Amino acid sequence: MITPEILKALLWPLVVLIIGVLFLFLFRKDISSLLNRLKKAKWPGGAETLFFGEANVDKLTPLDEENEKLKDRIHLEGNKAVKWSNSGNIFWVGHDLMWTIDVIIRGAPRENIVHGLRQSLHHIRSLGFVNTPIEIRLLKLIDNAEKSLQEDWTPTQRNTYAGEIGSILGYIGKLAESNQANFEPNPENKK
């Protein structure tokens, strides 16, 4: 048999839920407006995030200057012993580089950043990019990240790292494009 005390105990959470839903429904536009104005978040441990559009890597740009300088090497390096048939490594190097950019600009700890860089290095090497500018740039990033302290990962530092990784990713992309004879970068240009 349900006593009045048990009934009160069961109804209390239901009443709070109904009031909460009603509150959210009535003030949804105001709450949405407040959330849209949020520009920065500081996570426990002091990590700050860069929101979309704030990081240089978020901007749609052509190859950066360094990749432009390396353009002449792309054809030569693309014809080296790169194992383009290692489709898993091609996928995962792209994934891991993008994942690393994401964790960097979203405020992840240094250990996560180093993990992403090391994973990317594994796939770079599995593709045959040994003793190449790509491997050298990635090794430099790993070395600097491992020597850094968590406090060193300011928004500016994160932005710089994300940009450098984006540059490496763009370079690999250009190499892959040059390896595919029928590659078309923009299907809208077919018209």
Foldseek 3Di string as FASTA:
>chain_A
DDDPVNVCVVCVVVVVVVVVVVVCVVCVVVVVVVVVPDQWDQDPVGFIAHDQPRFPLNDDDAQDPVLVVCVVVLLVVLPPQFQPVPVVLVVVLLVLLVVLLVCLRGGHFLVSNLVSLVSNLVSCVVRPCPPHPLNVLSVVVNVVSVPDDRVVSDNVNSSVVSVSSSNSSNSVVSSVQSNDPPDDPDPVVVD
